[in-house]
Amino acid sequence: MLWNLSEPYRQYIEYVVMPAAIEWMQMTYSVIPYTNPLKATQTTCNSKPVPAEVNTGVADIDLYIIVNWVNATSSSYVAKAGACTLDATTGR
């Protein structure tokens, strides 16, 4: 979910950027499939609420991507990424 982002930008991220990123990740990485539903351990990530489905558990996925945006003109970067939750067993 992209909070307070105008529709053309939201659609561009949802229908162009994210499918391309997912395709690249699927072609680049090979993982041992996660056997249990993926579940977040907190209700917020970077001050934004984590979707309810992630708190209860999402089956048949190995990675759940949450996109947030900020208009930070003073920043020296255009994008950044970080983990909200890491696997308790592997630390990844």
N, C-alpha and C. Protein backbone atom coordinates (compact mmCIF):
# COMPACT_ATOMS: atom_id res chain seq x y z
N MET A 1 0.85 -1.18 0.00
CA MET A 1 0.00 0.00 0.00
C MET A 1 0.89 1.23 0.00
N LEU A 2 0.57 2.19 -0.83
CA LEU A 2 1.35 3.42 -0.93
C LEU A 2 0.50 4.57 -0.41
N TRP A 3 0.81 5.01 0.80
CA TRP A 3 0.05 6.04 1.45
C TRP A 3 0.32 7.40 0.81
N ASN A 4 -0.74 8.17 0.59
CA ASN A 4 -0.64 9.56 0.16
C ASN A 4 0.21 9.76 -1.09
N LEU A 5 0.22 8.83 -1.98
CA LEU A 5 0.97 8.96 -3.23
C LEU A 5 -0.04 9.15 -4.36
N SER A 6 0.19 10.14 -5.20
CA SER A 6 -0.78 10.42 -6.26
C SER A 6 -0.88 9.21 -7.19
N GLU A 7 -2.05 9.06 -7.79
CA GLU A 7 -2.40 7.86 -8.55
C GLU A 7 -1.41 7.51 -9.67
N PRO A 8 -0.97 8.44 -10.50
CA PRO A 8 -0.03 8.02 -11.56
C PRO A 8 1.26 7.41 -11.00
N TYR A 9 1.77 7.97 -9.90
CA TYR A 9 2.99 7.43 -9.30
C TYR A 9 2.74 6.08 -8.65
N ARG A 10 1.60 5.96 -7.98
CA ARG A 10 1.25 4.69 -7.34
C ARG A 10 1.14 3.59 -8.39
N GLN A 11 0.44 3.87 -9.48
CA GLN A 11 0.28 2.88 -10.54
C GLN A 11 1.62 2.51 -11.18
N TYR A 12 2.49 3.49 -11.37
CA TYR A 12 3.81 3.22 -11.95
C TYR A 12 4.60 2.27 -11.05
N ILE A 13 4.60 2.54 -9.76
CA ILE A 13 5.33 1.67 -8.83
C ILE A 13 4.70 0.29 -8.79
N GLU A 14 3.36 0.24 -8.69
CA GLU A 14 2.67 -1.04 -8.55
C GLU A 14 2.73 -1.90 -9.81
N TYR A 15 2.60 -1.28 -10.99
CA TYR A 15 2.47 -2.06 -12.22
C TYR A 15 3.71 -2.10 -13.10
N VAL A 16 4.71 -1.26 -12.82
CA VAL A 16 5.94 -1.26 -13.62
C VAL A 16 7.15 -1.62 -12.77
N VAL A 17 7.39 -0.83 -11.73
CA VAL A 17 8.60 -1.01 -10.92
C VAL A 17 8.59 -2.34 -10.17
N MET A 18 7.52 -2.62 -9.43
CA MET A 18 7.50 -3.84 -8.60
C MET A 18 7.51 -5.12 -9.44
N PRO A 19 6.73 -5.24 -10.52
CA PRO A 19 6.86 -6.47 -11.32
C PRO A 19 8.26 -6.66 -11.88
N ALA A 20 8.92 -5.59 -12.29
CA ALA A 20 10.29 -5.71 -12.81
C ALA A 20 11.24 -6.13 -11.70
N ALA A 21 11.08 -5.57 -10.50
CA ALA A 21 11.94 -5.94 -9.37
C ALA A 21 11.72 -7.40 -8.98
N ILE A 22 10.48 -7.83 -8.95
CA ILE A 22 10.17 -9.22 -8.59
C ILE A 22 10.75 -10.17 -9.63
N GLU A 23 10.59 -9.85 -10.91
CA GLU A 23 11.14 -10.69 -11.97
C GLU A 23 12.66 -10.80 -11.84
N TRP A 24 13.33 -9.67 -11.59
CA TRP A 24 14.79 -9.68 -11.44
C TRP A 24 15.20 -10.56 -10.26
N MET A 25 14.50 -10.43 -9.15
CA MET A 25 14.84 -11.22 -7.97
C MET A 25 14.63 -12.71 -8.23
N GLN A 26 13.55 -13.06 -8.92
CA GLN A 26 13.27 -14.46 -9.21
C GLN A 26 14.33 -15.05 -10.14
N MET A 27 14.84 -14.25 -11.07
CA MET A 27 15.86 -14.72 -12.00
C MET A 27 17.25 -14.76 -11.35
N THR A 28 17.47 -13.93 -10.33
CA THR A 28 18.79 -13.79 -9.73
C THR A 28 19.03 -14.75 -8.57
N TYR A 29 18.03 -14.94 -7.73
CA TYR A 29 18.21 -15.72 -6.50
C TYR A 29 17.52 -17.07 -6.58
N SER A 30 18.13 -18.03 -5.95
CA SER A 30 17.54 -19.35 -5.79
C SER A 30 17.48 -19.61 -4.29
N VAL A 31 16.31 -19.91 -3.78
CA VAL A 31 16.16 -20.11 -2.35
C VAL A 31 15.51 -21.45 -2.05
N ILE A 32 15.77 -21.93 -0.85
CA ILE A 32 15.04 -23.09 -0.36
C ILE A 32 13.68 -22.56 0.08
N PRO A 33 12.59 -23.09 -0.48
CA PRO A 33 11.26 -22.55 -0.17
C PRO A 33 10.96 -22.55 1.33
N TYR A 34 10.34 -21.50 1.76
CA TYR A 34 9.91 -21.35 3.15
C TYR A 34 8.71 -22.26 3.36
N THR A 35 8.73 -23.12 4.36
CA THR A 35 7.67 -24.11 4.52
C THR A 35 6.52 -23.65 5.41
N ASN A 36 6.75 -22.65 6.25
CA ASN A 36 5.70 -22.13 7.11
C ASN A 36 5.21 -20.80 6.56
N PRO A 37 3.98 -20.41 6.89
CA PRO A 37 3.52 -19.09 6.46
C PRO A 37 4.46 -18.00 6.96
N LEU A 38 4.74 -17.04 6.09
CA LEU A 38 5.59 -15.91 6.45
C LEU A 38 4.79 -14.97 7.34
N LYS A 39 5.34 -14.63 8.49
CA LYS A 39 4.60 -13.85 9.48
C LYS A 39 5.49 -12.76 10.07
N ALA A 40 4.98 -11.54 10.12
CA ALA A 40 5.72 -10.43 10.73
C ALA A 40 5.68 -10.54 12.23
N THR A 41 6.71 -10.00 12.87
CA THR A 41 6.75 -10.02 14.33
C THR A 41 6.38 -8.68 14.94
N GLN A 42 6.09 -7.70 14.12
CA GLN A 42 5.67 -6.39 14.63
C GLN A 42 4.50 -5.86 13.81
N THR A 43 3.83 -4.87 14.30
CA THR A 43 2.66 -4.31 13.61
C THR A 43 2.98 -3.07 12.80
N THR A 44 4.19 -2.52 12.96
CA THR A 44 4.60 -1.36 12.16
C THR A 44 6.00 -1.60 11.60
N CYS A 45 6.27 -0.90 10.50
CA CYS A 45 7.58 -0.94 9.87
C CYS A 45 7.87 0.46 9.37
N ASN A 46 8.93 1.07 9.87
CA ASN A 46 9.25 2.46 9.51
C ASN A 46 8.06 3.39 9.73
N SER A 47 7.41 3.23 10.86
CA SER A 47 6.28 4.06 11.29
C SER A 47 5.02 3.88 10.45
N LYS A 48 4.96 2.87 9.61
CA LYS A 48 3.76 2.58 8.82
C LYS A 48 3.20 1.23 9.27
N PRO A 49 1.87 1.06 9.26
CA PRO A 49 1.31 -0.22 9.68
C PRO A 49 1.65 -1.35 8.72
N VAL A 50 1.96 -2.50 9.28
CA VAL A 50 2.19 -3.70 8.48
C VAL A 50 0.81 -4.26 8.11
N PRO A 51 0.60 -4.65 6.83
CA PRO A 51 -0.70 -5.21 6.44
C PRO A 51 -1.11 -6.37 7.34
N ALA A 52 -2.39 -6.43 7.65
CA ALA A 52 -2.91 -7.44 8.58
C ALA A 52 -2.57 -8.86 8.14
N GLU A 53 -2.59 -9.13 6.83
CA GLU A 53 -2.30 -10.48 6.35
C GLU A 53 -0.88 -10.93 6.73
N VAL A 54 0.04 -9.99 6.83
CA VAL A 54 1.42 -10.35 7.19
C VAL A 54 1.52 -10.66 8.68
N ASN A 55 0.67 -10.04 9.48
CA ASN A 55 0.67 -10.32 10.92
C ASN A 55 0.07 -11.68 11.24
N THR A 56 -0.84 -12.15 10.41
CA THR A 56 -1.46 -13.45 10.65
C THR A 56 -0.72 -14.57 9.94
N GLY A 57 0.04 -14.23 8.89
CA GLY A 57 0.84 -15.23 8.16
C GLY A 57 0.39 -15.37 6.72
N VAL A 58 1.35 -15.35 5.80
CA VAL A 58 1.07 -15.49 4.37
C VAL A 58 1.76 -16.76 3.89
N ALA A 59 0.97 -17.68 3.33
CA ALA A 59 1.50 -18.96 2.87
C ALA A 59 2.11 -18.85 1.47
N ASP A 60 3.01 -19.78 1.16
CA ASP A 60 3.58 -19.95 -0.18
C ASP A 60 4.37 -18.76 -0.70
N ILE A 61 5.02 -18.01 0.20
CA ILE A 61 5.91 -16.93 -0.23
C ILE A 61 7.19 -16.97 0.60
N ASP A 62 8.24 -16.42 0.05
CA ASP A 62 9.52 -16.37 0.74
C ASP A 62 9.91 -14.93 1.07
N LEU A 63 9.26 -13.98 0.45
CA LEU A 63 9.58 -12.57 0.64
C LEU A 63 8.32 -11.76 0.46
N TYR A 64 8.09 -10.83 1.35
CA TYR A 64 6.95 -9.91 1.27
C TYR A 64 7.52 -8.51 1.20
N ILE A 65 7.25 -7.80 0.12
CA ILE A 65 7.82 -6.47 -0.07
C ILE A 65 6.77 -5.41 0.26
N ILE A 66 7.14 -4.51 1.15
CA ILE A 66 6.28 -3.38 1.50
C ILE A 66 6.97 -2.13 0.96
N VAL A 67 6.26 -1.36 0.16
CA VAL A 67 6.83 -0.16 -0.44
C VAL A 67 6.29 1.07 0.27
N ASN A 68 7.18 1.98 0.60
CA ASN A 68 6.82 3.25 1.21
C ASN A 68 7.56 4.34 0.46
N TRP A 69 7.08 5.52 0.49
CA TRP A 69 7.75 6.62 -0.20
C TRP A 69 7.82 7.83 0.73
N VAL A 70 8.78 8.69 0.42
CA VAL A 70 8.93 9.94 1.16
C VAL A 70 9.53 10.96 0.21
N ASN A 71 9.09 12.18 0.32
CA ASN A 71 9.62 13.26 -0.49
C ASN A 71 10.70 13.96 0.34
N ALA A 72 11.92 13.45 0.26
CA ALA A 72 13.03 13.96 1.06
C ALA A 72 14.04 14.62 0.13
N THR A 73 13.79 15.84 -0.24
CA THR A 73 14.65 16.53 -1.21
C THR A 73 16.06 16.75 -0.68
N SER A 74 16.25 16.73 0.61
CA SER A 74 17.59 16.93 1.17
C SER A 74 18.40 15.63 1.23
N SER A 75 17.80 14.49 0.87
CA SER A 75 18.50 13.21 0.93
C SER A 75 19.47 13.06 -0.23
N SER A 76 20.52 12.30 -0.01
CA SER A 76 21.51 12.06 -1.05
C SER A 76 21.22 10.77 -1.82
N TYR A 77 20.05 10.18 -1.63
CA TYR A 77 19.68 8.94 -2.31
C TYR A 77 18.29 9.09 -2.93
N VAL A 78 17.99 8.21 -3.88
CA VAL A 78 16.65 8.21 -4.48
C VAL A 78 15.84 7.01 -4.03
N ALA A 79 16.51 6.01 -3.47
CA ALA A 79 15.80 4.83 -2.97
C ALA A 79 16.65 4.16 -1.91
N LYS A 80 15.98 3.45 -1.02
CA LYS A 80 16.69 2.65 -0.03
C LYS A 80 15.81 1.48 0.36
N ALA A 81 16.42 0.48 0.94
CA ALA A 81 15.68 -0.71 1.35
C ALA A 81 16.16 -1.15 2.73
N GLY A 82 15.31 -1.86 3.42
CA GLY A 82 15.67 -2.38 4.73
C GLY A 82 14.71 -3.48 5.12
N ALA A 83 15.10 -4.25 6.08
CA ALA A 83 14.26 -5.37 6.55
C ALA A 83 13.41 -4.92 7.72
N CYS A 84 12.14 -5.32 7.72
CA CYS A 84 11.27 -5.07 8.85
C CYS A 84 11.32 -6.25 9.81
N THR A 85 11.45 -7.43 9.28
CA THR A 85 11.49 -8.67 10.06
C THR A 85 12.49 -9.62 9.44
N LEU A 86 13.27 -10.27 10.27
CA LEU A 86 14.21 -11.28 9.80
C LEU A 86 13.81 -12.65 10.32
N ASP A 87 14.17 -13.69 9.60
CA ASP A 87 13.88 -15.04 10.01
C ASP A 87 14.62 -15.37 11.31
N ALA A 88 13.91 -15.91 12.26
CA ALA A 88 14.49 -16.20 13.57
C ALA A 88 15.56 -17.29 13.50
N THR A 89 15.45 -18.20 12.52
CA THR A 89 16.40 -19.31 12.41
C THR A 89 17.66 -18.90 11.66
N THR A 90 17.48 -18.26 10.51
CA THR A 90 18.63 -17.94 9.65
C THR A 90 19.19 -16.54 9.87
N GLY A 91 18.37 -15.65 10.45
CA GLY A 91 18.80 -14.27 10.62
C GLY A 91 18.79 -13.48 9.33
N ARG A 92 18.13 -14.03 8.32
CA ARG A 92 18.03 -13.35 7.03
C ARG A 92 16.63 -12.90 6.78
